[in-house]
Amino acid sequence: MDLVTILSNVLAAATPLDQITTNGLSTLGTLTTPLLPPFLTNNPITDGFPWGEHNCTNTNPYTSGPDTGVIRTYDFTISRGILSPDGYEKEVILVNNQFPGPTIEAHWGDTIEVTVTNNITTDPEGTTIHWHGFLQQETQWMDGAPGFSQCPIPPEKSFTYRFHASLFGTSWYHAHYSAQYTDGAVGAMVVYGPSQEDYDIDIGPILLSDWFHTDYYSIVKTVMSPSPLPPRPMSDNNLIQGKMSFNCSTATDKIGKCSEDAGVAQFHFQSGKRHRLRLINTGADATQQFSIDDHSMTVIANDFVPVEPYDTNVVTLAVGQRTDVIVEATGDSKGAYWIRSNATCTSSNQPYALAALYYDDADLTALPKSSPWRYQNVGCDNDQLGQTVPLYSIDLGEPANTMVLDMTAGKNASGIWLWYINNSSFRTDYNEPILLLTKDGKTTYDDQPDWNVFDMGNSSSYRFVINNHTPKPHPMHLHGHNMYILDVGIGSWNGTIIRPTNPQRRDVQMVPSNGYLVVQADADNPGSWALHCHMVFHGSGGLAVDILERPAIIKDIQIPEDSYQLCKDWQAFSATGEVDQIDSGL
């Protein structure tokens, strides 16, 4: 059966699955989802622009952003549950019993405070939450990367993250403990700030993700087992807002209870209005190609970087990337249109996700009949660097340190396929966060080669020439920074820099298979920062390094006692022998 036939069956079903069954307490993907803002979830600001005179073109967000003095507080409980996001019932890991998790909202310059409680007590395991894209300047211990900035949160313990919303736009949070977020521990973050482009309605975050019916631990166990060929996990479905009906007859695992009545996400447009959509690839492996039938999109931001607007019919997002677009509702006021997201650069049982877009007077009981755009499949590539121009211009400057990072893949002595950077496969130590070790006086990590520590010393900036000698692309994410993206391509870098007076900046960029990526970062954030592939199973196989930045300054950072207490709690839990780290742990 094709997708539209499956969805027609959903409409004809006497008892379609309800939202609680598919997505728990989340309302994302329903027509009752609140629009943004107009009120923040807590401590609402109902008027004015609290970021004052700061805007997209007059403020360097890395050095002189606002500070509103407002604290946005949230409480998250991480726990196991049973849901059927696409109709196939599976055990999931949830934030506040929601998939996707609750959306965090703040203004540019606010402080975000989230108390995370680990309630994974059945088959207990640790967890952390990473606040993707936030710089964590002066709060380096709040980044959420285990073995880098903190120990994991053990079961039945809590840890409070508190950090400054120094950048604005769209991002997400996710568990950063092995491949744990693949089972559902993800959510969106929206930081309101200035916009150079007017819009009338903020539709809010739209989360795109490949979906696996097998639990993450079983997949990782397969990936990290001896194999004659490199393992390549295949997703079962592709989701928009955590929803997309599944053809049960194609299930590769017949164990789970399956229904074809899950339905799809639904959205509403108001005729003649300009709508902001905040696209996020929260998946594990697949690049997403997003489009809306008969509607073009104006790109206004990539990751946390506002860019000069440009029009497109399709937006491509690697894992971890975000793109904000504005869409004018020029369709028929009685019309319904398909929203599409196609999973590429991956193996999938069902790579095509659909959602339904309804106008004011549309028949909500009817499926759209629109046709997709015809466009060239760009595969794994991001938009051309020459097309993406940051609104706030920053001159690149010469790097103080340049390093070549060579990516390879191969079997270890046990016959397990691993990923390597400069001939070393990464593995974290949950009990020994490098930030805390450096703070306490450790000066060299030569005795721990699998931690892949790259000590930048007192360099004021550094450039990485990343050569990918593998047949797979890799979305590379650098914690604690927005990278300058200098050049990307196939083969070897010839020294070209795209627009050195104002290169593209973002925190995730794809390095193509058998190609290169050249990035640069300002060493303005002393800390222990992960640079890793955001395809989670590549991360499991060790495709990561630790960028140790300004270690001499780290010794003077005042790290709160809570971080040390967390490690004491974790060490007590790990001493029970219940920690089963079968992969890199990142």
Protein backbone atom coordinates (compact mmCIF):
# COMPACT_ATOMS: atom_id res chain seq x y z
CA MET A 1 0.00 0.00 0.00
CA ASP A 2 1.17 3.54 -0.72
CA LEU A 3 1.20 6.22 1.98
CA VAL A 4 -1.98 7.97 0.91
CA THR A 5 -3.90 4.67 0.91
CA ILE A 6 -2.67 3.98 4.44
CA LEU A 7 -3.78 7.42 5.56
CA SER A 8 -7.17 6.99 3.87
CA ASN A 9 -7.60 3.87 5.96
CA VAL A 10 -6.88 5.95 9.05
CA LEU A 11 -9.69 8.35 8.25
CA ALA A 12 -12.03 5.41 7.69
CA ALA A 13 -11.04 3.71 10.94
CA ALA A 14 -13.73 3.58 13.58
CA THR A 15 -11.24 4.00 16.42
CA PRO A 16 -8.06 5.78 15.30
CA LEU A 17 -5.29 5.90 17.86
CA ASP A 18 -5.56 8.85 20.21
CA GLN A 19 -2.80 11.33 20.95
CA ILE A 20 -2.05 9.81 24.36
CA THR A 21 -1.37 6.45 22.71
CA THR A 22 0.85 7.85 19.98
CA ASN A 23 2.66 10.74 21.69
CA GLY A 24 1.81 10.74 25.39
CA LEU A 25 1.18 14.18 26.84
CA SER A 26 2.60 16.04 23.82
CA THR A 27 0.17 18.11 21.74
CA LEU A 28 2.63 18.76 18.92
CA GLY A 29 1.24 17.84 15.53
CA THR A 30 -2.37 18.52 16.52
CA LEU A 31 -4.58 21.45 15.58
CA THR A 32 -4.81 22.31 19.29
CA THR A 33 -1.06 23.01 19.52
CA PRO A 34 -0.69 26.57 20.88
CA LEU A 35 0.91 29.07 18.54
CA LEU A 36 4.05 30.91 19.69
CA PRO A 37 4.64 33.03 21.53
CA PRO A 38 2.28 34.93 22.47
CA PHE A 39 2.91 33.91 26.06
CA LEU A 40 5.87 32.04 27.42
CA THR A 41 5.20 28.86 29.33
CA ASN A 42 6.04 30.43 32.66
CA ASN A 43 6.70 33.98 33.88
CA PRO A 44 5.21 35.40 30.67
CA ILE A 45 6.38 38.62 29.09
CA THR A 46 3.40 40.02 27.26
CA ASP A 47 4.72 43.22 25.71
CA GLY A 48 7.85 44.92 24.48
CA PHE A 49 11.18 43.57 23.32
CA PRO A 50 13.29 42.75 26.39
CA TRP A 51 16.48 42.53 24.30
CA GLY A 52 16.24 46.32 23.91
CA GLU A 53 18.19 47.90 21.05
CA HIS A 54 20.08 44.70 20.24
CA ASN A 55 19.25 43.29 16.82
CA CYS A 56 20.50 40.98 14.08
CA THR A 57 22.91 43.45 12.52
CA ASN A 58 24.19 45.70 15.31
CA THR A 59 25.10 43.17 18.02
CA ASN A 60 27.84 40.58 18.13
CA PRO A 61 25.97 37.83 20.02
CA TYR A 62 29.24 36.17 21.06
CA THR A 63 30.53 39.20 22.94
CA SER A 64 27.77 41.68 23.77
CA GLY A 65 24.30 40.17 23.96
CA PRO A 66 21.59 41.30 26.39
CA ASP A 67 20.96 40.14 29.94
CA THR A 68 17.31 40.48 30.96
CA GLY A 69 17.75 39.15 34.49
CA VAL A 70 14.75 36.84 33.93
CA ILE A 71 15.00 33.14 34.86
CA ARG A 72 12.87 30.58 32.99
CA THR A 73 12.43 27.47 35.14
CA TYR A 74 11.49 23.96 34.04
CA ASP A 75 11.34 20.54 35.66
CA PHE A 76 12.08 17.49 33.52
CA THR A 77 11.63 13.85 34.51
CA ILE A 78 13.28 11.29 32.24
CA SER A 79 11.53 7.91 32.35
CA ARG A 80 10.59 4.87 30.32
CA GLY A 81 7.16 4.45 28.78
CA ILE A 82 5.22 2.69 26.06
CA LEU A 83 4.01 4.68 23.02
CA SER A 84 3.06 4.10 19.38
CA PRO A 85 4.21 7.23 17.51
CA ASP A 86 3.65 5.58 14.13
CA GLY A 87 1.25 2.88 15.29
CA TYR A 88 4.00 0.42 16.21
CA GLU A 89 4.11 0.00 19.97
CA LYS A 90 7.56 0.22 21.54
CA GLU A 91 9.30 1.11 24.77
CA VAL A 92 10.49 4.70 24.69
CA ILE A 93 12.44 7.13 26.86
CA LEU A 94 10.41 10.26 27.52
CA VAL A 95 10.68 13.74 28.97
CA ASN A 96 7.68 14.42 31.22
CA ASN A 97 5.81 11.54 29.54
CA GLN A 98 5.88 13.38 26.20
CA PHE A 99 7.27 12.62 22.76
CA PRO A 100 8.54 15.00 21.59
CA GLY A 101 9.36 16.52 24.96
CA PRO A 102 8.04 19.89 26.16
CA THR A 103 9.22 22.99 24.31
CA ILE A 104 11.46 25.33 26.27
CA GLU A 105 10.76 29.03 25.65
CA ALA A 106 12.85 32.04 26.61
CA HIS A 107 13.82 35.50 25.43
CA TRP A 108 17.27 36.40 24.20
CA GLY A 109 19.20 37.34 27.33
CA ASP A 110 17.14 35.24 29.76
CA THR A 111 18.58 32.52 31.98
CA ILE A 112 17.22 29.00 31.45
CA GLU A 113 17.07 26.71 34.47
CA VAL A 114 16.05 23.06 34.09
CA THR A 115 16.04 20.51 36.89
CA VAL A 116 16.42 17.06 35.35
CA THR A 117 15.42 14.00 37.38
CA ASN A 118 16.50 10.57 36.17
CA ASN A 119 13.58 8.21 36.72
CA ILE A 120 14.94 5.42 34.51
CA THR A 121 14.72 2.83 37.26
CA THR A 122 13.67 -0.27 35.30
CA ASP A 123 16.86 -1.52 33.68
CA PRO A 124 18.49 1.53 35.30
CA GLU A 125 20.90 3.70 33.39
CA GLY A 126 22.33 7.19 33.58
CA THR A 127 21.35 10.18 31.51
CA THR A 128 22.41 13.72 30.66
CA ILE A 129 20.74 16.48 28.68
CA HIS A 130 22.67 18.53 26.13
CA TRP A 131 21.34 21.98 25.25
CA HIS A 132 22.31 21.89 21.60
CA GLY A 133 23.93 25.04 20.20
CA PHE A 134 24.13 27.03 23.43
CA LEU A 135 27.63 28.38 24.06
CA GLN A 136 27.73 27.81 27.83
CA GLN A 137 30.22 30.63 28.29
CA GLU A 138 30.90 30.95 32.01
CA THR A 139 28.77 27.81 32.60
CA GLN A 140 30.97 25.25 30.86
CA TRP A 141 29.93 22.52 33.32
CA MET A 142 26.31 22.81 32.10
CA ASP A 143 26.90 21.55 28.54
CA GLY A 144 25.55 18.06 29.24
CA ALA A 145 28.25 15.93 27.58
CA PRO A 146 29.22 12.99 29.82
CA GLY A 147 32.95 12.60 30.38
CA PHE A 148 33.53 16.09 29.01
CA SER A 149 31.71 18.52 31.31
CA GLN A 150 29.90 16.28 33.78
CA CYS A 151 29.23 12.83 35.13
CA PRO A 152 25.89 11.29 34.14
CA ILE A 153 22.87 11.72 36.36
CA PRO A 154 22.31 8.35 38.08
CA PRO A 155 18.83 6.86 38.54
CA GLU A 156 16.70 8.52 41.23
CA LYS A 157 18.96 11.58 41.30
CA SER A 158 18.51 15.11 39.96
CA PHE A 159 20.76 17.79 38.54
CA THR A 160 19.87 21.42 37.80
CA TYR A 161 21.20 22.94 34.60
CA ARG A 162 21.38 26.73 34.51
CA PHE A 163 22.72 28.71 31.55
CA HIS A 164 22.38 31.97 29.65
CA ALA A 165 20.33 32.24 26.45
CA SER A 166 23.16 34.12 24.75
CA LEU A 167 21.95 33.22 21.24
CA PHE A 168 18.45 33.43 19.82
CA GLY A 169 16.41 31.42 17.36
CA THR A 170 15.62 27.72 17.23
CA SER A 171 17.35 24.73 18.77
CA TRP A 172 16.70 21.51 20.65
CA TYR A 173 17.76 19.49 23.66
CA HIS A 174 18.45 15.78 23.78
CA ALA A 175 19.87 13.06 25.97
CA HIS A 176 23.62 12.67 25.42
CA TYR A 177 24.16 9.24 26.94
CA SER A 178 25.09 6.69 24.29
CA ALA A 179 22.33 6.69 21.63
CA GLN A 180 19.62 7.20 24.25
CA TYR A 181 17.86 10.10 22.52
CA THR A 182 17.03 7.79 19.60
CA ASP A 183 14.27 6.36 21.81
CA GLY A 184 12.56 9.72 22.25
CA ALA A 185 14.36 11.92 24.80
CA VAL A 186 14.30 15.08 22.66
CA GLY A 187 12.51 18.42 22.61
CA ALA A 188 12.61 21.86 21.05
CA MET A 189 13.99 25.13 22.39
CA VAL A 190 12.78 28.52 21.15
CA VAL A 191 14.62 31.70 22.12
CA TYR A 192 12.67 34.74 20.97
CA GLY A 193 14.71 37.55 19.53
CA PRO A 194 14.77 40.19 16.81
CA SER A 195 13.97 39.34 13.18
CA GLN A 196 14.85 41.26 10.05
CA GLU A 197 11.86 39.70 8.28
CA ASP A 198 8.29 40.37 9.35
CA TYR A 199 5.89 37.50 9.96
CA ASP A 200 2.41 37.28 11.40
CA ILE A 201 2.22 33.85 13.01
CA ASP A 202 4.82 31.67 14.70
CA ILE A 203 3.84 28.06 13.99
CA GLY A 204 6.64 27.00 16.33
CA PRO A 205 9.10 24.10 16.17
CA ILE A 206 8.66 21.30 13.63
CA LEU A 207 10.69 18.25 14.64
CA LEU A 208 11.78 15.85 11.89
CA SER A 209 13.24 12.48 12.77
CA ASP A 210 13.91 9.01 11.50
CA TRP A 211 12.37 6.38 13.78
CA PHE A 212 13.46 2.91 14.87
CA HIS A 213 11.13 0.23 16.23
CA THR A 214 14.05 -1.54 17.90
CA ASP A 215 15.22 0.03 21.15
CA TYR A 216 18.43 2.02 21.03
CA TYR A 217 20.43 -0.34 23.26
CA SER A 218 19.76 -3.34 21.03
CA ILE A 219 20.80 -1.36 17.95
CA VAL A 220 24.00 -0.18 19.62
CA LYS A 221 24.74 -3.72 20.77
CA THR A 222 24.49 -4.90 17.15
CA VAL A 223 26.61 -2.00 15.89
CA MET A 224 29.26 -2.72 18.50
CA SER A 225 29.48 -6.46 17.78
CA PRO A 226 31.94 -8.23 15.44
CA SER A 227 30.75 -8.13 11.85
CA PRO A 228 32.28 -8.96 8.46
CA LEU A 229 30.90 -5.71 6.97
CA PRO A 230 30.22 -2.33 8.61
CA PRO A 231 26.77 -2.49 10.31
CA ARG A 232 24.23 -0.08 8.87
CA PRO A 233 21.13 0.26 11.04
CA MET A 234 17.96 0.75 9.00
CA SER A 235 15.23 3.02 10.32
CA ASP A 236 11.65 1.85 10.16
CA ASN A 237 9.87 5.13 9.52
CA ASN A 238 10.22 8.90 9.23
CA LEU A 239 8.29 11.27 11.50
CA ILE A 240 7.06 14.88 11.59
CA GLN A 241 6.25 16.07 15.13
CA GLY A 242 6.66 12.47 16.27
CA LYS A 243 3.89 11.16 13.99
CA MET A 244 3.49 9.22 10.73
CA SER A 245 1.33 6.19 10.02
CA PHE A 246 3.17 2.96 9.29
CA ASN A 247 2.35 0.07 6.97
CA CYS A 248 2.36 -2.79 9.47
CA SER A 249 2.74 -5.41 6.75
CA THR A 250 6.28 -4.13 6.10
CA ALA A 251 7.43 -4.37 9.73
CA THR A 252 10.81 -6.06 9.93
CA ASP A 253 10.16 -6.97 13.58
CA LYS A 254 6.81 -8.70 14.04
CA ILE A 255 7.04 -8.72 17.84
CA GLY A 256 5.52 -5.33 18.56
CA LYS A 257 1.79 -4.56 18.50
CA CYS A 258 1.08 -2.58 15.33
CA SER A 259 -1.80 -0.42 14.09
CA GLU A 260 -2.04 1.57 10.86
CA ASP A 261 -4.28 4.15 12.53
CA ALA A 262 -1.66 6.51 13.99
CA GLY A 263 -2.36 9.35 11.55
CA VAL A 264 -0.13 12.28 10.70
CA ALA A 265 0.71 15.67 12.15
CA GLN A 266 -1.67 18.49 11.27
CA PHE A 267 -1.02 22.20 10.82
CA HIS A 268 -3.17 25.27 10.13
CA PHE A 269 -2.40 28.28 7.92
CA GLN A 270 -4.34 31.55 7.83
CA SER A 271 -4.88 32.86 4.32
CA GLY A 272 -2.66 35.77 3.36
CA LYS A 273 -0.58 35.58 6.56
CA ARG A 274 3.18 35.02 6.81
CA HIS A 275 4.04 32.00 8.99
CA ARG A 276 7.35 31.23 10.68
CA LEU A 277 8.31 27.55 10.82
CA ARG A 278 11.21 26.39 12.97
CA LEU A 279 12.57 23.21 11.35
CA ILE A 280 14.76 20.86 13.42
CA ASN A 281 16.35 17.56 12.44
CA THR A 282 16.18 15.63 15.72
CA GLY A 283 16.91 12.25 14.14
CA ALA A 284 19.59 9.64 14.64
CA ASP A 285 20.99 9.07 11.17
CA ALA A 286 19.01 10.57 8.26
CA THR A 287 19.34 13.89 6.49
CA GLN A 288 15.90 15.46 5.99
CA GLN A 289 14.56 17.22 2.90
CA PHE A 290 11.54 19.32 3.90
CA SER A 291 8.99 20.88 1.55
CA ILE A 292 5.38 22.07 1.39
CA ASP A 293 3.43 21.36 -1.78
CA ASP A 294 2.71 24.53 -3.81
CA HIS A 295 4.42 26.78 -1.25
CA SER A 296 7.90 28.28 -1.40
CA MET A 297 9.89 29.09 1.72
CA THR A 298 12.13 32.01 2.66
CA VAL A 299 15.11 30.94 4.77
CA ILE A 300 15.94 33.45 7.52
CA ALA A 301 18.26 31.50 9.87
CA ASN A 302 20.48 28.43 9.95
CA ASP A 303 21.10 27.00 13.41
CA PHE A 304 21.40 30.05 15.71
CA VAL A 305 22.60 32.38 12.90
CA PRO A 306 20.22 34.83 11.15
CA VAL A 307 21.11 34.96 7.44
CA GLU A 308 20.27 37.14 4.47
CA PRO A 309 16.89 35.78 3.30
CA TYR A 310 16.74 33.53 0.25
CA ASP A 311 13.92 31.53 -1.30
CA THR A 312 13.77 27.79 -1.83
CA ASN A 313 11.25 25.00 -2.42
CA VAL A 314 13.13 22.47 -0.30
CA VAL A 315 15.19 22.76 2.89
CA THR A 316 17.89 20.18 3.60
CA LEU A 317 18.85 19.53 7.23
CA ALA A 318 21.56 17.20 8.47
CA VAL A 319 21.12 15.64 11.90
CA GLY A 320 21.23 18.39 14.53
CA GLN A 321 20.72 21.29 12.12
CA ARG A 322 17.91 23.84 12.28
CA THR A 323 16.50 26.15 9.63
CA ASP A 324 13.94 28.89 10.25
CA VAL A 325 11.73 29.74 7.29
CA ILE A 326 8.85 32.09 6.53
CA VAL A 327 5.99 30.79 4.38
CA GLU A 328 3.29 33.06 2.99
CA ALA A 329 -0.15 31.44 2.90
CA THR A 330 -0.96 32.00 -0.77
CA GLY A 331 -2.99 28.80 -1.22
CA ASP A 332 -6.72 28.24 -1.62
CA SER A 333 -8.62 29.23 1.54
CA LYS A 334 -10.45 25.90 1.27
CA GLY A 335 -7.31 24.01 0.40
CA ALA A 336 -5.32 21.25 2.06
CA TYR A 337 -1.69 20.54 1.18
CA TRP A 338 0.87 17.90 2.00
CA ILE A 339 3.91 18.79 4.06
CA ARG A 340 6.74 16.37 3.26
CA SER A 341 10.03 15.38 4.79
CA ASN A 342 12.12 12.78 2.98
CA ALA A 343 14.88 10.90 4.81
CA THR A 344 18.03 10.71 2.68
CA CYS A 345 21.62 9.52 3.16
CA THR A 346 20.32 6.53 5.08
CA SER A 347 18.70 3.13 4.89
CA SER A 348 15.02 3.16 5.76
CA ASN A 349 12.02 0.87 5.51
CA GLN A 350 9.79 3.93 4.99
CA PRO A 351 11.71 7.20 4.40
CA TYR A 352 8.82 9.49 3.41
CA ALA A 353 7.03 11.47 6.11
CA LEU A 354 3.80 13.35 5.50
CA ALA A 355 1.85 15.94 7.46
CA ALA A 356 -1.39 17.69 6.53
CA LEU A 357 -1.64 21.47 6.16
CA TYR A 358 -5.18 22.89 6.32
CA TYR A 359 -6.32 26.41 5.44
CA ASP A 360 -9.12 28.30 7.22
CA ASP A 361 -12.07 26.78 5.36
CA ALA A 362 -10.61 23.37 4.48
CA ASP A 363 -12.45 20.12 5.15
CA LEU A 364 -10.54 18.66 8.10
CA THR A 365 -11.91 15.19 7.38
CA ALA A 366 -10.34 15.05 3.91
CA LEU A 367 -6.76 14.27 2.98
CA PRO A 368 -4.78 16.69 0.84
CA LYS A 369 -4.57 15.95 -2.89
CA SER A 370 -1.58 18.17 -3.68
CA SER A 371 1.50 17.07 -5.62
CA PRO A 372 5.13 17.42 -4.53
CA TRP A 373 7.58 19.94 -5.92
CA ARG A 374 9.90 18.64 -8.58
CA TYR A 375 13.41 19.44 -7.43
CA GLN A 376 16.89 18.07 -7.72
CA ASN A 377 17.71 15.69 -4.89
CA VAL A 378 20.76 17.22 -3.25
CA GLY A 379 21.28 14.09 -1.20
CA CYS A 380 23.52 14.77 1.77
CA ASP A 381 24.63 18.29 0.85
CA ASN A 382 23.82 21.46 2.75
CA ASP A 383 22.97 24.68 0.94
CA GLN A 384 25.89 26.27 -0.90
CA LEU A 385 28.09 28.32 1.44
CA GLY A 386 27.97 31.23 -0.96
CA GLN A 387 24.19 31.33 -0.55
CA THR A 388 24.17 31.54 3.24
CA VAL A 389 25.34 34.97 4.40
CA PRO A 390 25.13 35.81 8.14
CA LEU A 391 23.37 39.10 8.85
CA TYR A 392 25.95 40.04 11.46
CA SER A 393 29.25 40.15 9.64
CA ILE A 394 32.42 38.79 11.29
CA ASP A 395 35.80 38.81 9.57
CA LEU A 396 37.48 35.43 9.78
CA GLY A 397 41.06 36.35 10.61
CA GLU A 398 44.04 34.00 10.55
CA PRO A 399 44.00 30.98 12.90
CA ALA A 400 46.56 30.69 15.68
CA ASN A 401 46.54 26.90 15.32
CA THR A 402 45.73 24.62 12.36
CA MET A 403 45.22 20.87 12.64
CA VAL A 404 44.37 18.15 10.14
CA LEU A 405 41.77 15.61 11.28
CA ASP A 406 41.65 12.44 9.17
CA MET A 407 38.50 10.31 9.42
CA THR A 408 38.75 6.59 8.73
CA ALA A 409 36.88 3.39 9.56
CA GLY A 410 38.07 -0.13 10.26
CA LYS A 411 37.90 -3.20 12.46
CA ASN A 412 39.56 -3.39 15.83
CA ALA A 413 41.24 -6.52 17.17
CA SER A 414 37.85 -7.91 18.23
CA GLY A 415 36.36 -7.58 14.75
CA ILE A 416 34.19 -4.59 15.71
CA TRP A 417 33.90 -1.79 13.16
CA LEU A 418 34.92 1.56 14.64
CA TRP A 419 35.29 5.11 13.40
CA TYR A 420 38.63 6.86 13.87
CA ILE A 421 39.99 10.40 13.86
CA ASN A 422 43.74 10.49 13.37
CA ASN A 423 43.84 6.72 13.94
CA SER A 424 42.12 6.92 17.33
CA SER A 425 38.57 5.86 18.18
CA PHE A 426 36.97 7.85 21.00
CA ARG A 427 35.64 6.39 24.25
CA THR A 428 34.54 8.52 27.17
CA ASP A 429 35.00 7.81 30.88
CA TYR A 430 31.76 8.66 32.64
CA ASN A 431 33.53 8.88 36.01
CA GLU A 432 36.25 11.31 34.95
CA PRO A 433 34.94 14.47 33.23
CA ILE A 434 37.89 16.19 31.60
CA LEU A 435 36.65 19.65 32.59
CA LEU A 436 36.81 18.68 36.26
CA LEU A 437 40.12 16.85 35.88
CA THR A 438 41.69 19.90 34.23
CA LYS A 439 40.22 22.18 36.87
CA ASP A 440 41.82 19.98 39.52
CA GLY A 441 45.27 20.18 37.95
CA LYS A 442 45.64 17.40 35.38
CA THR A 443 47.90 18.81 32.66
CA THR A 444 48.26 16.02 30.11
CA TYR A 445 46.07 13.24 28.73
CA ASP A 446 48.70 11.20 26.91
CA ASP A 447 47.98 8.39 29.37
CA GLN A 448 44.39 8.14 28.05
CA PRO A 449 44.72 7.97 24.25
CA ASP A 450 41.11 6.87 23.64
CA TRP A 451 39.82 10.11 25.16
CA ASN A 452 41.08 11.80 21.96
CA VAL A 453 42.02 15.03 23.74
CA PHE A 454 43.27 17.77 21.43
CA ASP A 455 44.85 20.39 23.68
CA MET A 456 44.61 23.81 22.02
CA GLY A 457 46.79 25.36 24.72
CA ASN A 458 46.54 29.13 24.80
CA SER A 459 45.69 29.49 21.10
CA SER A 460 43.32 32.38 20.41
CA SER A 461 41.69 30.46 17.54
CA TYR A 462 42.02 27.15 15.72
CA ARG A 463 41.28 25.73 12.30
CA PHE A 464 40.46 22.11 11.51
CA VAL A 465 40.92 20.63 8.06
CA ILE A 466 38.70 17.54 8.31
CA ASN A 467 39.39 14.91 5.66
CA ASN A 468 36.75 12.21 5.36
CA HIS A 469 38.33 9.05 3.98
CA THR A 470 35.11 7.06 4.40
CA PRO A 471 32.15 6.42 2.05
CA LYS A 472 29.68 8.00 4.49
CA PRO A 473 28.97 11.71 5.12
CA HIS A 474 29.17 13.00 8.69
CA PRO A 475 27.31 15.98 10.24
CA MET A 476 29.99 17.38 12.53
CA HIS A 477 28.85 19.25 15.64
CA LEU A 478 31.11 21.38 17.83
CA HIS A 479 29.88 22.06 21.35
CA GLY A 480 30.36 25.48 22.92
CA HIS A 481 30.84 27.38 19.64
CA ASN A 482 29.41 28.52 16.37
CA MET A 483 31.94 27.38 13.79
CA TYR A 484 33.07 29.46 10.85
CA ILE A 485 32.46 27.23 7.81
CA LEU A 486 35.33 27.98 5.43
CA ASP A 487 34.92 25.40 2.69
CA VAL A 488 33.44 21.98 1.96
CA GLY A 489 33.76 19.67 -1.01
CA ILE A 490 34.84 16.38 -2.55
CA GLY A 491 38.48 15.32 -2.66
CA SER A 492 41.16 17.44 -0.98
CA TRP A 493 40.98 21.06 0.14
CA ASN A 494 42.87 23.43 -2.17
CA GLY A 495 43.03 26.32 0.30
CA THR A 496 39.91 28.13 -0.92
CA ILE A 497 37.89 30.03 1.68
CA ILE A 498 34.32 30.96 0.83
CA ARG A 499 33.75 34.64 1.71
CA PRO A 500 36.54 35.12 4.32
CA THR A 501 35.16 38.54 5.27
CA ASN A 502 31.91 36.96 6.51
CA PRO A 503 31.82 33.15 6.28
CA GLN A 504 28.80 31.10 7.16
CA ARG A 505 28.55 30.20 10.85
CA ARG A 506 26.67 27.31 12.39
CA ASP A 507 27.17 24.53 14.96
CA VAL A 508 26.60 21.54 12.62
CA GLN A 509 27.99 21.11 9.12
CA MET A 510 28.09 18.06 6.87
CA VAL A 511 31.43 16.74 5.64
CA PRO A 512 30.75 14.77 2.44
CA SER A 513 31.84 11.19 1.85
CA ASN A 514 35.39 11.07 0.49
CA GLY A 515 35.53 14.83 0.92
CA TYR A 516 36.63 17.58 3.25
CA LEU A 517 35.29 20.22 5.61
CA VAL A 518 37.32 23.21 6.82
CA VAL A 519 36.09 25.00 9.95
CA GLN A 520 37.50 27.56 12.35
CA ALA A 521 36.57 28.61 15.88
CA ASP A 522 37.52 31.40 18.24
CA ALA A 523 39.10 29.99 21.40
CA ASP A 524 37.02 32.29 23.59
CA ASN A 525 35.36 29.61 25.71
CA PRO A 526 37.72 27.71 28.05
CA GLY A 527 36.42 24.19 28.46
CA SER A 528 36.25 20.59 27.33
CA TRP A 529 34.18 20.55 24.13
CA ALA A 530 33.00 17.61 22.06
CA LEU A 531 33.51 17.69 18.30
CA HIS A 532 31.58 14.68 17.04
CA CYS A 533 29.49 13.19 14.28
CA HIS A 534 25.80 13.66 15.08
CA MET A 535 24.82 10.40 13.42
CA VAL A 536 24.39 8.67 16.75
CA PHE A 537 25.67 5.26 15.73
CA HIS A 538 28.83 6.83 14.29
CA GLY A 539 29.24 8.54 17.64
CA SER A 540 28.74 5.19 19.33
CA GLY A 541 31.58 3.85 17.19
CA GLY A 542 33.96 6.56 18.35
CA LEU A 543 33.76 9.37 15.77
CA ALA A 544 34.57 12.17 18.21
CA VAL A 545 37.37 14.19 19.77
CA ASP A 546 37.68 16.38 22.85
CA ILE A 547 38.74 19.97 22.20
CA LEU A 548 40.47 21.18 25.36
CA GLU A 549 40.42 24.95 25.16
CA ARG A 550 42.51 27.32 27.30
CA PRO A 551 43.34 24.74 30.01
CA ALA A 552 45.38 27.27 31.98
CA ILE A 553 42.24 29.38 32.43
CA ILE A 554 40.09 26.34 33.32
CA LYS A 555 42.11 26.01 36.52
CA ASP A 556 40.69 29.35 37.68
CA ILE A 557 37.04 28.61 36.82
CA GLN A 558 34.78 28.33 39.85
CA ILE A 559 32.81 25.13 39.26
CA PRO A 560 29.89 24.68 41.68
CA GLU A 561 29.95 21.90 44.23
CA ASP A 562 26.83 20.41 42.59
CA SER A 563 28.97 19.13 39.71
CA TYR A 564 31.33 17.35 42.09
CA GLN A 565 28.43 15.95 44.10
CA LEU A 566 26.92 14.62 40.88
CA CYS A 567 30.14 12.70 40.22
CA LYS A 568 30.08 11.29 43.74
CA ASP A 569 26.51 10.11 43.17
CA TRP A 570 27.44 8.61 39.81
CA GLN A 571 30.48 6.85 41.21
CA ALA A 572 28.29 5.30 43.91
CA PHE A 573 25.89 4.05 41.25
CA SER A 574 28.62 2.79 38.91
CA ALA A 575 30.16 0.87 41.81
CA THR A 576 27.05 -1.34 41.83
CA GLY A 577 28.14 -2.80 38.49
CA GLU A 578 24.94 -1.78 36.69
CA VAL A 579 26.65 0.52 34.16
CA ASP A 580 26.93 -1.30 30.84
CA GLN A 581 28.92 0.99 28.54
CA ILE A 582 29.08 -0.97 25.30
CA ASP A 583 29.96 1.96 23.02
CA SER A 584 31.83 5.28 23.18
CA GLY A 585 29.26 6.51 25.68
CA LEU A 586 28.85 9.90 24.01
